[in-house]
Amino acid sequence: MSNTSNFREAVREAKNHALVGPNVISNALPFVGGGLVLTAIGTYGGLGVIRTYPAIFFPTFIVAIVLELILFFVARNAAEQGNKNTALPLLATYSLLSGYTLSGLIFTALRTQGVGIYGIGVAALGCGITFIAARQIGSNLSEADGMAVTKTVSLGVIALLVVVGIQFLLSIFGIYTPTWLEIGISGIGVFLFAGAAVVDFYILPRTYRDDQYLPAALSMYLTYINLFIFILRLMIALNGRD
């Protein structure tokens, strides 16, 4: 689910339209898959930097975060305008940068007893299962239920992102969230982004035409990545930090 201002616009449009893109989800899925593959490549590269040149990882991580934010808005705008030739390479680069910024969490998971590569696989599988269930639920929501779920989840995600942003700023100064609070935040994050997956399957076919699969793919990609992050954070918190 896109967690930016265009999401609220999509909600408004969904109120006034029936399905405008019944096949947009199917058209978007290959691009979501491609983005996830590029993310995995970016993560592998980030892990290589952590292990080989650990001193430069944090500065490059900050740079990647900034570039990722810029690319998101530029790529989203190009995708919304239907400029596929521009949007595709931008989205590909965005996916690689997302993988790089994700590598720190993956590295922590690999070092956490009880998580490791098995836990990473479980998190990825959990996301896949969630999306399968969300497609069934979201595609069959009534208009009233769909809008109610959408408003609730969108407000919850905004609040969660504020909390996570504060966590990130505090961590820069060496202040970390207590384990019990991290478990609570991560658990809420899993719940909200599972709901966001349901919202995607309700909102996107009512917002985008079948040929507007790139912005739909970006929205689904963001939901998948955030759900994966919070599942993994929850597993790390439950098993204790290294």
C-alpha atoms as a PDB file:
ATOM      1  CA  MET A   1       0.000   0.000   0.000  1.00  0.00           C
ATOM      2  CA  SER A   2       1.412   3.371  -0.928  1.00  0.00           C
ATOM      3  CA  ASN A   3       2.005   5.355   2.276  1.00  0.00           C
ATOM      4  CA  THR A   4       2.092   8.770   0.629  1.00  0.00           C
ATOM      5  CA  SER A   5      -0.378  11.514  -0.201  1.00  0.00           C
ATOM      6  CA  ASN A   6      -1.455   9.824  -3.427  1.00  0.00           C
ATOM      7  CA  PHE A   7      -2.952   7.044  -1.303  1.00  0.00           C
ATOM      8  CA  ARG A   8      -5.568   9.439   0.074  1.00  0.00           C
ATOM      9  CA  GLU A   9      -6.357  10.487  -3.500  1.00  0.00           C
ATOM     10  CA  ALA A  10      -6.768   6.830  -4.435  1.00  0.00           C
ATOM     11  CA  VAL A  11      -9.212   6.402  -1.556  1.00  0.00           C
ATOM     12  CA  ARG A  12     -11.282   9.333  -2.777  1.00  0.00           C
ATOM     13  CA  GLU A  13     -11.351   7.924  -6.291  1.00  0.00           C
ATOM     14  CA  ALA A  14     -12.310   4.484  -5.043  1.00  0.00           C
ATOM     15  CA  LYS A  15     -15.374   5.957  -3.348  1.00  0.00           C
ATOM     16  CA  ASN A  16     -16.741   7.129  -6.662  1.00  0.00           C
ATOM     17  CA  HIS A  17     -15.835   4.277  -8.998  1.00  0.00           C
ATOM     18  CA  ALA A  18     -16.526   0.616  -9.431  1.00  0.00           C
ATOM     19  CA  LEU A  19     -13.785  -1.573 -10.873  1.00  0.00           C
ATOM     20  CA  VAL A  20     -11.842   0.321 -13.521  1.00  0.00           C
ATOM     21  CA  GLY A  21      -8.964  -2.151 -13.810  1.00  0.00           C
ATOM     22  CA  PRO A  22     -10.148  -5.708 -13.091  1.00  0.00           C
ATOM     23  CA  ASN A  23      -6.860  -7.124 -14.398  1.00  0.00           C
ATOM     24  CA  VAL A  24      -4.451  -4.517 -13.027  1.00  0.00           C
ATOM     25  CA  ILE A  25      -3.348  -6.773 -10.152  1.00  0.00           C
ATOM     26  CA  SER A  26      -2.474  -9.635 -12.499  1.00  0.00           C
ATOM     27  CA  ASN A  27      -0.624  -7.237 -14.802  1.00  0.00           C
ATOM     28  CA  ALA A  28       1.325  -5.770 -11.881  1.00  0.00           C
ATOM     29  CA  LEU A  29       2.426  -9.027 -10.232  1.00  0.00           C
ATOM     30  CA  PRO A  30       5.357  -9.778 -12.618  1.00  0.00           C
ATOM     31  CA  PHE A  31       6.784  -6.324 -11.882  1.00  0.00           C
ATOM     32  CA  VAL A  32       6.335  -6.840  -8.147  1.00  0.00           C
ATOM     33  CA  GLY A  33       8.247 -10.118  -8.487  1.00  0.00           C
ATOM     34  CA  GLY A  34      10.968  -8.459 -10.521  1.00  0.00           C
ATOM     35  CA  GLY A  35      11.286  -5.707  -7.931  1.00  0.00           C
ATOM     36  CA  LEU A  36      11.663  -8.261  -5.150  1.00  0.00           C
ATOM     37  CA  VAL A  37      14.415 -10.059  -7.076  1.00  0.00           C
ATOM     38  CA  LEU A  38      16.292  -6.767  -7.475  1.00  0.00           C
ATOM     39  CA  THR A  39      15.769  -6.090  -3.774  1.00  0.00           C
ATOM     40  CA  ALA A  40      17.363  -9.430  -2.966  1.00  0.00           C
ATOM     41  CA  ILE A  41      20.342  -8.492  -5.160  1.00  0.00           C
ATOM     42  CA  GLY A  42      20.647  -5.132  -3.387  1.00  0.00           C
ATOM     43  CA  THR A  43      20.510  -6.883  -0.019  1.00  0.00           C
ATOM     44  CA  TYR A  44      23.260  -9.293  -1.060  1.00  0.00           C
ATOM     45  CA  GLY A  45      25.416  -6.327  -2.063  1.00  0.00           C
ATOM     46  CA  GLY A  46      24.732  -4.584   1.230  1.00  0.00           C
ATOM     47  CA  LEU A  47      25.690  -7.694   3.194  1.00  0.00           C
ATOM     48  CA  GLY A  48      28.933  -7.793   1.244  1.00  0.00           C
ATOM     49  CA  VAL A  49      29.694  -4.194   2.245  1.00  0.00           C
ATOM     50  CA  ILE A  50      28.875  -4.911   5.914  1.00  0.00           C
ATOM     51  CA  ARG A  51      31.209  -7.906   6.010  1.00  0.00           C
ATOM     52  CA  THR A  52      34.037  -6.452   3.923  1.00  0.00           C
ATOM     53  CA  TYR A  53      33.940  -2.700   4.622  1.00  0.00           C
ATOM     54  CA  PRO A  54      31.844  -2.297   7.795  1.00  0.00           C
ATOM     55  CA  ALA A  55      33.100   1.242   8.449  1.00  0.00           C
ATOM     56  CA  ILE A  56      31.522   2.625   5.293  1.00  0.00           C
ATOM     57  CA  PHE A  57      28.164   0.859   5.577  1.00  0.00           C
ATOM     58  CA  PHE A  58      26.379   3.375   7.806  1.00  0.00           C
ATOM     59  CA  PRO A  59      27.360   6.468   5.742  1.00  0.00           C
ATOM     60  CA  THR A  60      26.347   4.697   2.532  1.00  0.00           C
ATOM     61  CA  PHE A  61      23.147   3.515   4.233  1.00  0.00           C
ATOM     62  CA  ILE A  62      22.181   7.146   4.985  1.00  0.00           C
ATOM     63  CA  VAL A  63      22.950   8.167   1.401  1.00  0.00           C
ATOM     64  CA  ALA A  64      20.884   5.233   0.109  1.00  0.00           C
ATOM     65  CA  ILE A  65      17.938   6.247   2.325  1.00  0.00           C
ATOM     66  CA  VAL A  66      17.986   9.793   0.933  1.00  0.00           C
ATOM     67  CA  LEU A  67      18.293   8.603  -2.679  1.00  0.00           C
ATOM     68  CA  GLU A  68      15.560   6.042  -2.087  1.00  0.00           C
ATOM     69  CA  LEU A  69      13.135   8.715  -0.893  1.00  0.00           C
ATOM     70  CA  ILE A  70      13.904  10.947  -3.869  1.00  0.00           C
ATOM     71  CA  LEU A  71      13.597   8.069  -6.316  1.00  0.00           C
ATOM     72  CA  PHE A  72      10.298   6.997  -4.827  1.00  0.00           C
ATOM     73  CA  PHE A  73       8.590  10.290  -5.593  1.00  0.00           C
ATOM     74  CA  VAL A  74      10.195  10.675  -9.032  1.00  0.00           C
ATOM     75  CA  ALA A  75       9.452   7.075 -10.044  1.00  0.00           C
ATOM     76  CA  ARG A  76       5.912   7.217  -8.685  1.00  0.00           C
ATOM     77  CA  ASN A  77       5.233  10.417 -10.631  1.00  0.00           C
ATOM     78  CA  ALA A  78       6.579   8.874 -13.845  1.00  0.00           C
ATOM     79  CA  ALA A  79       4.520   5.725 -13.283  1.00  0.00           C
ATOM     80  CA  GLU A  80       1.357   7.725 -12.559  1.00  0.00           C
ATOM     81  CA  GLN A  81       1.840   9.642 -15.803  1.00  0.00           C
ATOM     82  CA  GLY A  82       2.244   6.412 -17.761  1.00  0.00           C
ATOM     83  CA  ASN A  83       5.850   7.155 -18.750  1.00  0.00           C
ATOM     84  CA  LYS A  84       6.967   3.527 -18.621  1.00  0.00           C
ATOM     85  CA  ASN A  85      10.334   4.069 -20.315  1.00  0.00           C
ATOM     86  CA  THR A  86      11.345   6.427 -17.520  1.00  0.00           C
ATOM     87  CA  ALA A  87       9.517   4.717 -14.656  1.00  0.00           C
ATOM     88  CA  LEU A  88      10.909   1.200 -15.168  1.00  0.00           C
ATOM     89  CA  PRO A  89      14.628   1.988 -14.708  1.00  0.00           C
ATOM     90  CA  LEU A  90      13.794   4.317 -11.817  1.00  0.00           C
ATOM     91  CA  LEU A  91      11.725   1.625 -10.111  1.00  0.00           C
ATOM     92  CA  ALA A  92      14.486  -0.913 -10.716  1.00  0.00           C
ATOM     93  CA  THR A  93      17.039   1.386  -9.083  1.00  0.00           C
ATOM     94  CA  TYR A  94      14.628   2.047  -6.228  1.00  0.00           C
ATOM     95  CA  SER A  95      14.290  -1.704  -5.647  1.00  0.00           C
ATOM     96  CA  LEU A  96      18.066  -2.143  -5.531  1.00  0.00           C
ATOM     97  CA  LEU A  97      18.415   0.699  -3.022  1.00  0.00           C
ATOM     98  CA  SER A  98      15.606  -0.783  -0.930  1.00  0.00           C
ATOM     99  CA  GLY A  99      17.573  -4.011  -0.770  1.00  0.00           C
ATOM    100  CA  TYR A 100      20.712  -2.175   0.290  1.00  0.00           C
ATOM    101  CA  THR A 101      18.905  -0.373   3.122  1.00  0.00           C
ATOM    102  CA  LEU A 102      17.305  -3.667   4.138  1.00  0.00           C
ATOM    103  CA  SER A 103      20.667  -5.441   4.450  1.00  0.00           C
ATOM    104  CA  GLY A 104      21.305  -4.156   7.987  1.00  0.00           C
ATOM    105  CA  LEU A 105      18.127  -5.820   9.236  1.00  0.00           C
ATOM    106  CA  ILE A 106      18.960  -9.012   7.336  1.00  0.00           C
ATOM    107  CA  PHE A 107      22.449  -9.012   8.850  1.00  0.00           C
ATOM    108  CA  THR A 108      20.954  -8.688  12.336  1.00  0.00           C
ATOM    109  CA  ALA A 109      18.524 -11.519  11.592  1.00  0.00           C
ATOM    110  CA  LEU A 110      21.344 -13.775  10.404  1.00  0.00           C
ATOM    111  CA  ARG A 111      23.245 -13.145  13.660  1.00  0.00           C
ATOM    112  CA  THR A 112      20.215 -13.639  15.922  1.00  0.00           C
ATOM    113  CA  GLN A 113      19.915 -17.107  17.368  1.00  0.00           C
ATOM    114  CA  GLY A 114      16.560 -18.592  16.539  1.00  0.00           C
ATOM    115  CA  VAL A 115      16.101 -16.481  13.406  1.00  0.00           C
ATOM    116  CA  GLY A 116      18.916 -16.853  10.861  1.00  0.00           C
ATOM    117  CA  ILE A 117      18.301 -17.813   7.252  1.00  0.00           C
ATOM    118  CA  TYR A 118      15.411 -20.025   8.328  1.00  0.00           C
ATOM    119  CA  GLY A 119      13.622 -17.081   9.935  1.00  0.00           C
ATOM    120  CA  ILE A 120      14.195 -14.933   6.849  1.00  0.00           C
ATOM    121  CA  GLY A 121      12.619 -17.658   4.739  1.00  0.00           C
ATOM    122  CA  VAL A 122       9.678 -17.922   7.139  1.00  0.00           C
ATOM    123  CA  ALA A 123       9.143 -14.144   6.942  1.00  0.00           C
ATOM    124  CA  ALA A 124       9.159 -14.228   3.129  1.00  0.00           C
ATOM    125  CA  LEU A 125       6.802 -17.220   3.083  1.00  0.00           C
ATOM    126  CA  GLY A 126       4.526 -15.481   5.580  1.00  0.00           C
ATOM    127  CA  CYS A 127       4.287 -12.488   3.267  1.00  0.00           C
ATOM    128  CA  GLY A 128       3.378 -14.729   0.342  1.00  0.00           C
ATOM    129  CA  ILE A 129       0.671 -16.532   2.302  1.00  0.00           C
ATOM    130  CA  THR A 130      -0.685 -13.203   3.540  1.00  0.00           C
ATOM    131  CA  PHE A 131      -0.959 -11.887  -0.017  1.00  0.00           C
ATOM    132  CA  ILE A 132      -2.814 -14.997  -1.163  1.00  0.00           C
ATOM    133  CA  ALA A 133      -5.308 -14.628   1.678  1.00  0.00           C
ATOM    134  CA  ALA A 134      -5.521 -10.845   1.210  1.00  0.00           C
ATOM    135  CA  ARG A 135      -6.398 -11.230  -2.447  1.00  0.00           C
ATOM    136  CA  GLN A 136      -9.339 -13.446  -1.575  1.00  0.00           C
ATOM    137  CA  ILE A 137     -10.547 -11.134   1.194  1.00  0.00           C
ATOM    138  CA  GLY A 138      -9.903  -7.780  -0.475  1.00  0.00           C
ATOM    139  CA  SER A 139     -11.451  -8.771  -3.788  1.00  0.00           C
ATOM    140  CA  ASN A 140     -14.707  -9.713  -2.068  1.00  0.00           C
ATOM    141  CA  LEU A 141     -15.162  -6.753   0.282  1.00  0.00           C
ATOM    142  CA  SER A 142     -18.338  -4.734  -0.049  1.00  0.00           C
ATOM    143  CA  GLU A 143     -18.040  -0.999  -0.749  1.00  0.00           C
ATOM    144  CA  ALA A 144     -18.898  -0.071   2.863  1.00  0.00           C
ATOM    145  CA  ASP A 145     -16.549  -2.631   4.404  1.00  0.00           C
ATOM    146  CA  GLY A 146     -13.773  -1.868   1.937  1.00  0.00           C
ATOM    147  CA  MET A 147     -13.783   1.856   2.682  1.00  0.00           C
ATOM    148  CA  ALA A 148     -13.977   1.247   6.435  1.00  0.00           C
ATOM    149  CA  VAL A 149     -10.974  -1.082   6.363  1.00  0.00           C
ATOM    150  CA  THR A 150      -9.081   1.312   4.094  1.00  0.00           C
ATOM    151  CA  LYS A 151      -9.558   4.323   6.376  1.00  0.00           C
ATOM    152  CA  THR A 152      -8.663   2.358   9.504  1.00  0.00           C
ATOM    153  CA  VAL A 153      -5.522   0.800   8.045  1.00  0.00           C
ATOM    154  CA  SER A 154      -4.304   4.005   6.395  1.00  0.00           C
ATOM    155  CA  LEU A 155      -4.559   5.955   9.658  1.00  0.00           C
ATOM    156  CA  GLY A 156      -2.797   3.147  11.533  1.00  0.00           C
ATOM    157  CA  VAL A 157       0.028   2.989   8.997  1.00  0.00           C
ATOM    158  CA  ILE A 158       0.591   6.746   9.198  1.00  0.00           C
ATOM    159  CA  ALA A 159       0.847   6.550  12.994  1.00  0.00           C
ATOM    160  CA  LEU A 160       3.171   3.554  12.759  1.00  0.00           C
ATOM    161  CA  LEU A 161       5.482   5.309  10.304  1.00  0.00           C
ATOM    162  CA  VAL A 162       5.758   8.284  12.675  1.00  0.00           C
ATOM    163  CA  VAL A 163       6.770   5.931  15.504  1.00  0.00           C
ATOM    164  CA  VAL A 164       9.296   4.113  13.323  1.00  0.00           C
ATOM    165  CA  GLY A 165      10.728   7.440  12.162  1.00  0.00           C
ATOM    166  CA  ILE A 166      11.235   8.471  15.775  1.00  0.00           C
ATOM    167  CA  GLN A 167      12.846   5.089  16.497  1.00  0.00           C
ATOM    168  CA  PHE A 168      15.260   5.607  13.618  1.00  0.00           C
ATOM    169  CA  LEU A 169      16.246   9.119  14.744  1.00  0.00           C
ATOM    170  CA  LEU A 170      16.806   7.938  18.317  1.00  0.00           C
ATOM    171  CA  SER A 171      18.909   4.989  17.132  1.00  0.00           C
ATOM    172  CA  ILE A 172      21.287   7.410  15.407  1.00  0.00           C
ATOM    173  CA  PHE A 173      22.062   8.785  18.877  1.00  0.00           C
ATOM    174  CA  GLY A 174      22.426   5.313  20.374  1.00  0.00           C
ATOM    175  CA  ILE A 175      18.982   5.202  22.005  1.00  0.00           C
ATOM    176  CA  TYR A 176      17.194   1.924  21.276  1.00  0.00           C
ATOM    177  CA  THR A 177      13.653   0.765  21.962  1.00  0.00           C
ATOM    178  CA  PRO A 178      13.226  -1.663  24.902  1.00  0.00           C
ATOM    179  CA  THR A 179      12.582  -5.227  23.764  1.00  0.00           C
ATOM    180  CA  TRP A 180       9.008  -5.341  25.070  1.00  0.00           C
ATOM    181  CA  LEU A 181       8.132  -2.143  23.210  1.00  0.00           C
ATOM    182  CA  GLU A 182       9.859  -3.375  20.046  1.00  0.00           C
ATOM    183  CA  ILE A 183       7.742  -6.539  20.190  1.00  0.00           C
ATOM    184  CA  GLY A 184       4.599  -4.421  20.507  1.00  0.00           C
ATOM    185  CA  ILE A 185       5.515  -2.059  17.649  1.00  0.00           C
ATOM    186  CA  SER A 186       6.555  -4.927  15.382  1.00  0.00           C
ATOM    187  CA  GLY A 187       3.394  -6.891  16.147  1.00  0.00           C
ATOM    188  CA  ILE A 188       1.217  -3.889  15.342  1.00  0.00           C
ATOM    189  CA  GLY A 189       3.230  -3.367  12.150  1.00  0.00           C
ATOM    190  CA  VAL A 190       2.587  -6.945  11.032  1.00  0.00           C
ATOM    191  CA  PHE A 191      -1.129  -6.529  11.720  1.00  0.00           C
ATOM    192  CA  LEU A 192      -1.386  -3.185   9.902  1.00  0.00           C
ATOM    193  CA  PHE A 193       0.528  -4.234   6.788  1.00  0.00           C
ATOM    194  CA  ALA A 194      -1.428  -7.485   6.579  1.00  0.00           C
ATOM    195  CA  GLY A 195      -4.476  -5.203   6.536  1.00  0.00           C
ATOM    196  CA  ALA A 196      -2.726  -3.030   3.952  1.00  0.00           C
ATOM    197  CA  ALA A 197      -2.420  -6.063   1.677  1.00  0.00           C
ATOM    198  CA  VAL A 198      -6.196  -6.514   1.896  1.00  0.00           C
ATOM    199  CA  VAL A 199      -6.642  -2.816   1.126  1.00  0.00           C
ATOM    200  CA  ASP A 200      -4.407  -3.078  -1.949  1.00  0.00           C
ATOM    201  CA  PHE A 201      -6.586  -5.772  -3.478  1.00  0.00           C
ATOM    202  CA  TYR A 202      -9.668  -3.660  -2.792  1.00  0.00           C
ATOM    203  CA  ILE A 203      -8.345  -0.208  -3.764  1.00  0.00           C
ATOM    204  CA  LEU A 204      -6.051  -0.826  -6.730  1.00  0.00           C
ATOM    205  CA  PRO A 205      -8.634  -2.253  -9.199  1.00  0.00           C
ATOM    206  CA  ARG A 206     -10.876   0.711  -8.334  1.00  0.00           C
ATOM    207  CA  THR A 207      -8.099   3.246  -8.836  1.00  0.00           C
ATOM    208  CA  TYR A 208      -5.977   2.112 -11.793  1.00  0.00           C
ATOM    209  CA  ARG A 209      -6.832   0.911 -15.276  1.00  0.00           C
ATOM    210  CA  ASP A 210      -5.411  -2.371 -16.526  1.00  0.00           C
ATOM    211  CA  ASP A 211      -2.598  -0.524 -18.342  1.00  0.00           C
ATOM    212  CA  GLN A 212      -1.623   1.404 -15.179  1.00  0.00           C
ATOM    213  CA  TYR A 213       0.126  -1.598 -13.677  1.00  0.00           C
ATOM    214  CA  LEU A 214       3.353   0.178 -12.673  1.00  0.00           C
ATOM    215  CA  PRO A 215       1.902   2.412  -9.921  1.00  0.00           C
ATOM    216  CA  ALA A 216      -0.147  -0.576  -8.749  1.00  0.00           C
ATOM    217  CA  ALA A 217       3.024  -2.688  -8.668  1.00  0.00           C
ATOM    218  CA  LEU A 218       4.819  -0.018  -6.624  1.00  0.00           C
ATOM    219  CA  SER A 219       1.994   0.030  -4.081  1.00  0.00           C
ATOM    220  CA  MET A 220       2.010  -3.769  -3.733  1.00  0.00           C
ATOM    221  CA  TYR A 221       5.811  -3.842  -3.537  1.00  0.00           C
ATOM    222  CA  LEU A 222       5.795  -1.359  -0.649  1.00  0.00           C
ATOM    223  CA  THR A 223       3.211  -3.399   1.213  1.00  0.00           C
ATOM    224  CA  TYR A 224       5.171  -6.636   0.749  1.00  0.00           C
ATOM    225  CA  ILE A 225       8.494  -5.113   1.817  1.00  0.00           C
ATOM    226  CA  ASN A 226       7.037  -3.429   4.894  1.00  0.00           C
ATOM    227  CA  LEU A 227       5.192  -6.577   5.934  1.00  0.00           C
ATOM    228  CA  PHE A 228       8.427  -8.554   5.542  1.00  0.00           C
ATOM    229  CA  ILE A 229      10.338  -5.990   7.609  1.00  0.00           C
ATOM    230  CA  PHE A 230       7.893  -6.072  10.498  1.00  0.00           C
ATOM    231  CA  ILE A 231       7.637  -9.863  10.541  1.00  0.00           C
ATOM    232  CA  LEU A 232      11.428 -10.053  10.676  1.00  0.00           C
ATOM    233  CA  ARG A 233      11.642  -7.334  13.334  1.00  0.00           C
ATOM    234  CA  LEU A 234       9.121  -9.232  15.429  1.00  0.00           C
ATOM    235  CA  MET A 235      11.093 -12.474  15.124  1.00  0.00           C
ATOM    236  CA  ILE A 236      14.332 -10.713  16.080  1.00  0.00           C
ATOM    237  CA  ALA A 237      12.679  -9.039  19.085  1.00  0.00           C
ATOM    238  CA  LEU A 238      11.115 -12.309  20.271  1.00  0.00           C
ATOM    239  CA  ASN A 239      14.444 -14.112  20.045  1.00  0.00           C
ATOM    240  CA  GLY A 240      16.454 -11.318  21.658  1.00  0.00           C
ATOM    241  CA  ARG A 241      18.992  -8.952  20.166  1.00  0.00           C
ATOM    242  CA  ASP A 242      22.579 -10.082  19.683  1.00  0.00           C
END
